[in-house]
């Protein structure tokens, strides 16, 4: 395991802790964003292979066997897509938080009892 993988798992654990223990909705959203960042780091570290280069064809890599000298570009592409999706979901959660604050004048989760069983 690389340092990046370990850092990614640490961020996932910190984000989970933040989402499950905090009572403030904004802090829960921050926890979600931390989990998202940790997942990105883990996916990138899984796709990295030491000694290989990025899959960009240029004059610097001409003549090299492309099958043996490049890393797999799929994990990087997945992370780029996940960043955009994570940003959109975070923005949507923040919009809901603003609406909830306008409705109750509070962001504490205990103040929202309308949907409790």
N, C-alpha and C. Protein backbone atom coordinates (compact mmCIF):
# COMPACT_ATOMS: atom_id res chain seq x y z
N UNK A 1 0.84 -1.20 0.00
CA UNK A 1 0.00 0.00 0.00
C UNK A 1 0.87 1.25 0.00
N UNK A 2 0.48 2.21 -0.77
CA UNK A 2 1.25 3.44 -0.84
C UNK A 2 0.76 4.45 0.19
N UNK A 3 1.52 5.50 0.33
CA UNK A 3 1.15 6.57 1.26
C UNK A 3 -0.15 7.23 0.83
N UNK A 4 -0.34 7.37 -0.47
CA UNK A 4 -1.56 8.00 -0.97
C UNK A 4 -2.79 7.16 -0.63
N UNK A 5 -2.68 5.84 -0.75
CA UNK A 5 -3.80 4.96 -0.39
C UNK A 5 -4.14 5.09 1.08
N UNK A 6 -3.11 5.09 1.92
CA UNK A 6 -3.33 5.20 3.36
C UNK A 6 -3.97 6.55 3.69
N UNK A 7 -3.48 7.62 3.06
CA UNK A 7 -4.06 8.94 3.28
C UNK A 7 -5.52 8.98 2.83
N UNK A 8 -5.81 8.32 1.72
CA UNK A 8 -7.19 8.25 1.24
C UNK A 8 -8.10 7.54 2.22
N UNK A 9 -7.64 6.40 2.77
CA UNK A 9 -8.46 5.68 3.75
C UNK A 9 -8.63 6.48 5.04
N UNK A 10 -7.59 7.21 5.44
CA UNK A 10 -7.71 8.07 6.63
C UNK A 10 -8.76 9.15 6.39
N UNK A 11 -8.76 9.75 5.21
CA UNK A 11 -9.75 10.77 4.90
C UNK A 11 -11.17 10.19 4.88
N UNK A 12 -11.31 8.98 4.38
CA UNK A 12 -12.63 8.33 4.37
C UNK A 12 -13.11 8.13 5.80
N UNK A 13 -12.24 7.67 6.68
CA UNK A 13 -12.62 7.45 8.07
C UNK A 13 -12.97 8.76 8.77
N UNK A 14 -12.17 9.81 8.52
CA UNK A 14 -12.46 11.12 9.12
C UNK A 14 -13.81 11.65 8.61
N UNK A 15 -14.06 11.50 7.33
CA UNK A 15 -15.34 11.96 6.77
C UNK A 15 -16.52 11.19 7.34
N UNK A 16 -16.38 9.87 7.48
CA UNK A 16 -17.46 9.08 8.09
C UNK A 16 -17.71 9.51 9.52
N UNK A 17 -16.62 9.73 10.25
CA UNK A 17 -16.76 10.20 11.63
C UNK A 17 -17.51 11.54 11.66
N UNK A 18 -17.14 12.44 10.75
CA UNK A 18 -17.78 13.74 10.70
C UNK A 18 -19.25 13.66 10.34
N UNK A 19 -19.60 12.77 9.44
CA UNK A 19 -21.00 12.64 9.04
C UNK A 19 -21.85 12.01 10.14
N UNK A 20 -21.29 11.06 10.87
CA UNK A 20 -22.08 10.32 11.85
C UNK A 20 -22.13 10.96 13.23
N UNK A 21 -21.17 11.80 13.57
CA UNK A 21 -21.14 12.35 14.93
C UNK A 21 -21.59 13.80 15.02
N UNK A 22 -21.57 14.53 13.94
CA UNK A 22 -21.90 15.95 13.99
C UNK A 22 -23.41 16.16 13.90
N UNK A 23 -23.88 17.18 14.56
CA UNK A 23 -25.31 17.51 14.56
C UNK A 23 -25.64 18.67 13.62
N UNK A 24 -24.61 19.36 13.15
CA UNK A 24 -24.80 20.49 12.25
C UNK A 24 -24.81 19.98 10.81
N UNK A 25 -25.78 20.42 10.03
CA UNK A 25 -25.94 19.94 8.65
C UNK A 25 -24.74 20.34 7.78
N UNK A 26 -24.20 21.52 7.97
CA UNK A 26 -23.05 21.97 7.18
C UNK A 26 -21.84 21.08 7.48
N UNK A 27 -21.64 20.72 8.75
CA UNK A 27 -20.53 19.84 9.10
C UNK A 27 -20.71 18.44 8.51
N UNK A 28 -21.96 18.00 8.40
CA UNK A 28 -22.22 16.72 7.75
C UNK A 28 -21.87 16.79 6.26
N UNK A 29 -22.18 17.89 5.62
CA UNK A 29 -21.86 18.07 4.21
C UNK A 29 -20.34 18.11 4.01
N UNK A 30 -19.63 18.76 4.92
CA UNK A 30 -18.17 18.78 4.86
C UNK A 30 -17.62 17.37 5.01
N UNK A 31 -18.20 16.58 5.90
CA UNK A 31 -17.79 15.19 6.06
C UNK A 31 -17.97 14.40 4.78
N UNK A 32 -19.09 14.63 4.09
CA UNK A 32 -19.32 13.97 2.80
C UNK A 32 -18.24 14.36 1.80
N UNK A 33 -17.87 15.63 1.76
CA UNK A 33 -16.84 16.08 0.82
C UNK A 33 -15.48 15.47 1.14
N UNK A 34 -15.19 15.28 2.43
CA UNK A 34 -13.94 14.65 2.81
C UNK A 34 -13.92 13.19 2.38
N UNK A 35 -15.04 12.49 2.54
CA UNK A 35 -15.14 11.11 2.05
C UNK A 35 -14.91 11.07 0.55
N UNK A 36 -15.52 11.99 -0.17
CA UNK A 36 -15.39 12.05 -1.61
C UNK A 36 -13.92 12.23 -2.03
N UNK A 37 -13.21 13.11 -1.36
CA UNK A 37 -11.80 13.34 -1.66
C UNK A 37 -10.97 12.10 -1.35
N UNK A 38 -11.27 11.44 -0.24
CA UNK A 38 -10.55 10.22 0.11
C UNK A 38 -10.75 9.12 -0.93
N UNK A 39 -11.97 8.99 -1.42
CA UNK A 39 -12.24 8.00 -2.47
C UNK A 39 -11.47 8.31 -3.75
N UNK A 40 -11.36 9.59 -4.08
CA UNK A 40 -10.59 9.97 -5.27
C UNK A 40 -9.13 9.57 -5.12
N UNK A 41 -8.57 9.81 -3.94
CA UNK A 41 -7.17 9.45 -3.71
C UNK A 41 -6.96 7.94 -3.81
N UNK A 42 -7.89 7.18 -3.26
CA UNK A 42 -7.76 5.72 -3.31
C UNK A 42 -7.84 5.22 -4.75
N UNK A 43 -8.76 5.74 -5.52
CA UNK A 43 -8.89 5.29 -6.91
C UNK A 43 -7.65 5.65 -7.73
N UNK A 44 -7.14 6.85 -7.53
CA UNK A 44 -5.93 7.26 -8.27
C UNK A 44 -4.74 6.39 -7.86
N UNK A 45 -4.62 6.09 -6.57
CA UNK A 45 -3.49 5.27 -6.12
C UNK A 45 -3.59 3.84 -6.63
N UNK A 46 -4.80 3.33 -6.82
CA UNK A 46 -4.96 1.99 -7.37
C UNK A 46 -4.51 1.96 -8.84
N UNK A 47 -4.77 3.03 -9.58
CA UNK A 47 -4.41 3.07 -10.99
C UNK A 47 -2.96 3.41 -11.27
N UNK A 48 -2.21 3.83 -10.24
CA UNK A 48 -0.81 4.23 -10.44
C UNK A 48 0.11 3.01 -10.43
N UNK A 49 1.06 2.98 -11.36
CA UNK A 49 2.07 1.93 -11.41
C UNK A 49 3.43 2.61 -11.46
N UNK A 50 4.29 2.30 -10.50
CA UNK A 50 5.59 2.94 -10.41
C UNK A 50 6.43 2.64 -11.66
N UNK A 51 7.09 3.67 -12.15
CA UNK A 51 7.96 3.51 -13.31
C UNK A 51 7.28 3.73 -14.64
N UNK A 52 5.99 3.98 -14.62
CA UNK A 52 5.27 4.23 -15.86
C UNK A 52 4.85 5.69 -15.93
N UNK A 53 4.49 6.13 -17.11
CA UNK A 53 4.15 7.53 -17.32
C UNK A 53 2.67 7.67 -17.68
N UNK A 54 2.22 8.90 -17.68
CA UNK A 54 0.83 9.18 -18.04
C UNK A 54 0.59 8.84 -19.51
N UNK A 55 -0.62 8.42 -19.84
CA UNK A 55 -0.89 8.00 -21.22
C UNK A 55 -1.11 9.16 -22.17
N UNK A 56 -0.09 9.99 -22.31
CA UNK A 56 -0.15 11.13 -23.22
C UNK A 56 0.93 10.92 -24.28
N UNK A 57 0.51 10.81 -25.50
CA UNK A 57 1.45 10.57 -26.60
C UNK A 57 2.10 11.90 -26.97
N UNK A 58 3.42 11.95 -26.87
CA UNK A 58 4.16 13.16 -27.25
C UNK A 58 5.52 12.74 -27.80
N UNK A 59 6.33 13.72 -28.19
CA UNK A 59 7.66 13.41 -28.72
C UNK A 59 8.57 12.81 -27.66
N UNK A 60 8.29 13.09 -26.39
CA UNK A 60 9.14 12.56 -25.32
C UNK A 60 9.02 11.06 -25.17
N UNK A 61 7.91 10.49 -25.61
CA UNK A 61 7.70 9.05 -25.45
C UNK A 61 7.64 8.31 -26.79
N UNK A 62 8.08 8.95 -27.84
CA UNK A 62 8.08 8.28 -29.15
C UNK A 62 9.02 7.08 -29.14
N UNK A 63 8.61 6.02 -29.78
CA UNK A 63 9.44 4.84 -29.87
C UNK A 63 9.30 3.89 -28.70
N UNK A 64 8.59 4.29 -27.67
CA UNK A 64 8.38 3.41 -26.53
C UNK A 64 7.20 2.49 -26.79
N UNK A 65 7.25 1.32 -26.21
CA UNK A 65 6.13 0.39 -26.33
C UNK A 65 5.00 0.91 -25.44
N UNK A 66 3.90 1.32 -26.05
CA UNK A 66 2.82 1.94 -25.29
C UNK A 66 2.16 0.98 -24.33
N UNK A 67 2.21 -0.31 -24.57
CA UNK A 67 1.58 -1.27 -23.68
C UNK A 67 2.32 -1.47 -22.38
N UNK A 68 3.62 -1.16 -22.37
CA UNK A 68 4.43 -1.44 -21.18
C UNK A 68 4.86 -0.19 -20.42
N UNK A 69 4.74 0.97 -21.00
CA UNK A 69 5.28 2.16 -20.37
C UNK A 69 4.23 3.14 -19.87
N UNK A 70 2.96 2.88 -20.13
CA UNK A 70 1.91 3.79 -19.72
C UNK A 70 1.04 3.15 -18.63
N UNK A 71 0.49 4.01 -17.79
CA UNK A 71 -0.48 3.52 -16.81
C UNK A 71 -1.86 3.45 -17.47
N UNK A 72 -2.77 2.77 -16.81
CA UNK A 72 -4.13 2.64 -17.32
C UNK A 72 -4.85 3.98 -17.13
N UNK A 73 -5.40 4.58 -18.19
CA UNK A 73 -6.05 5.89 -18.05
C UNK A 73 -7.46 5.83 -17.48
N UNK A 74 -8.05 4.64 -17.36
CA UNK A 74 -9.43 4.53 -16.90
C UNK A 74 -9.62 5.05 -15.47
N UNK A 75 -8.77 4.68 -14.48
CA UNK A 75 -8.98 5.24 -13.14
C UNK A 75 -8.91 6.76 -13.09
N UNK A 76 -8.00 7.33 -13.86
CA UNK A 76 -7.90 8.80 -13.89
C UNK A 76 -9.16 9.42 -14.49
N UNK A 77 -9.68 8.82 -15.54
CA UNK A 77 -10.91 9.33 -16.14
C UNK A 77 -12.09 9.18 -15.18
N UNK A 78 -12.14 8.07 -14.47
CA UNK A 78 -13.21 7.88 -13.48
C UNK A 78 -13.14 8.92 -12.37
N UNK A 79 -11.93 9.24 -11.94
CA UNK A 79 -11.78 10.24 -10.87
C UNK A 79 -12.20 11.62 -11.37
N UNK A 80 -11.86 11.96 -12.59
CA UNK A 80 -12.30 13.25 -13.13
C UNK A 80 -13.82 13.34 -13.18
N UNK A 81 -14.45 12.26 -13.60
CA UNK A 81 -15.91 12.23 -13.62
C UNK A 81 -16.48 12.30 -12.21
N UNK A 82 -15.87 11.59 -11.28
CA UNK A 82 -16.34 11.58 -9.89
C UNK A 82 -16.18 12.95 -9.23
N UNK A 83 -15.16 13.70 -9.60
CA UNK A 83 -14.98 15.04 -9.05
C UNK A 83 -16.14 15.94 -9.46
N UNK A 84 -16.51 15.87 -10.73
CA UNK A 84 -17.62 16.69 -11.22
C UNK A 84 -18.93 16.29 -10.55
N UNK A 85 -19.18 14.99 -10.44
CA UNK A 85 -20.41 14.52 -9.81
C UNK A 85 -20.43 14.89 -8.33
N UNK A 86 -19.29 14.73 -7.64
CA UNK A 86 -19.21 15.10 -6.23
C UNK A 86 -19.45 16.58 -6.00
N UNK A 87 -18.93 17.41 -6.90
CA UNK A 87 -19.17 18.85 -6.79
C UNK A 87 -20.65 19.17 -6.95
N UNK A 88 -21.30 18.53 -7.90
CA UNK A 88 -22.73 18.78 -8.11
C UNK A 88 -23.56 18.31 -6.91
N UNK A 89 -23.23 17.16 -6.35
CA UNK A 89 -23.97 16.67 -5.20
C UNK A 89 -23.75 17.56 -3.99
N UNK A 90 -22.51 18.01 -3.78
CA UNK A 90 -22.23 18.92 -2.67
C UNK A 90 -22.99 20.23 -2.83
N UNK A 91 -23.04 20.76 -4.05
CA UNK A 91 -23.80 21.99 -4.29
C UNK A 91 -25.28 21.78 -4.00
N UNK A 92 -25.82 20.63 -4.41
CA UNK A 92 -27.22 20.33 -4.14
C UNK A 92 -27.49 20.23 -2.64
N UNK A 93 -26.60 19.59 -1.91
CA UNK A 93 -26.77 19.48 -0.45
C UNK A 93 -26.71 20.85 0.21
N UNK A 94 -25.83 21.72 -0.28
CA UNK A 94 -25.74 23.07 0.28
C UNK A 94 -27.00 23.88 -0.01
N UNK A 95 -27.59 23.67 -1.18
CA UNK A 95 -28.85 24.36 -1.50
C UNK A 95 -29.95 23.89 -0.55
N UNK A 96 -30.00 22.57 -0.28
CA UNK A 96 -30.97 22.06 0.68
C UNK A 96 -30.73 22.62 2.07
N UNK A 97 -29.46 22.76 2.45
CA UNK A 97 -29.14 23.31 3.76
C UNK A 97 -29.61 24.76 3.88
N UNK A 98 -29.45 25.53 2.80
CA UNK A 98 -29.93 26.92 2.82
C UNK A 98 -31.45 26.96 2.95
N UNK A 99 -32.13 26.09 2.20
CA UNK A 99 -33.60 26.03 2.29
C UNK A 99 -34.05 25.62 3.70
N UNK A 100 -33.38 24.65 4.29
CA UNK A 100 -33.73 24.23 5.65
C UNK A 100 -33.48 25.35 6.65
N UNK A 101 -32.40 26.11 6.46
CA UNK A 101 -32.13 27.23 7.36
C UNK A 101 -33.20 28.30 7.23
N UNK A 102 -33.64 28.57 6.03
CA UNK A 102 -34.71 29.57 5.84
C UNK A 102 -36.02 29.10 6.46
N UNK A 103 -36.25 27.80 6.47
CA UNK A 103 -37.49 27.26 7.01
C UNK A 103 -37.48 27.25 8.54
N UNK A 104 -36.40 26.82 9.17
CA UNK A 104 -36.35 26.65 10.63
C UNK A 104 -35.42 27.63 11.34
N UNK A 105 -34.62 28.39 10.63
CA UNK A 105 -33.63 29.28 11.22
C UNK A 105 -32.63 28.52 12.10
N UNK A 106 -32.33 27.29 11.68
CA UNK A 106 -31.38 26.47 12.40
C UNK A 106 -30.81 25.42 11.45
N UNK A 107 -29.58 25.02 11.73
CA UNK A 107 -28.98 23.94 10.97
C UNK A 107 -28.68 22.74 11.86
N UNK A 108 -29.19 22.73 13.07
CA UNK A 108 -29.02 21.59 13.96
C UNK A 108 -30.04 20.52 13.60
N UNK A 109 -29.59 19.30 13.49
CA UNK A 109 -30.45 18.21 13.01
C UNK A 109 -31.58 17.90 14.00
N UNK A 110 -31.38 18.21 15.29
CA UNK A 110 -32.42 17.93 16.28
C UNK A 110 -33.65 18.82 16.10
N UNK A 111 -33.50 19.95 15.44
CA UNK A 111 -34.60 20.89 15.27
C UNK A 111 -35.59 20.46 14.18
N UNK A 112 -35.26 19.45 13.44
CA UNK A 112 -36.12 18.99 12.34
C UNK A 112 -36.78 17.69 12.77
N UNK A 113 -38.01 17.81 13.28
CA UNK A 113 -38.71 16.64 13.81
C UNK A 113 -39.94 16.26 12.99
N UNK A 114 -40.18 16.93 11.89
CA UNK A 114 -41.40 16.71 11.11
C UNK A 114 -41.47 15.30 10.53
N UNK A 115 -40.35 14.72 10.20
CA UNK A 115 -40.36 13.40 9.54
C UNK A 115 -39.93 12.28 10.48
N UNK A 116 -39.86 12.54 11.77
CA UNK A 116 -39.50 11.48 12.70
C UNK A 116 -40.65 10.52 12.86
N UNK A 117 -40.36 9.26 13.16
CA UNK A 117 -41.39 8.24 13.29
C UNK A 117 -42.00 8.39 14.61
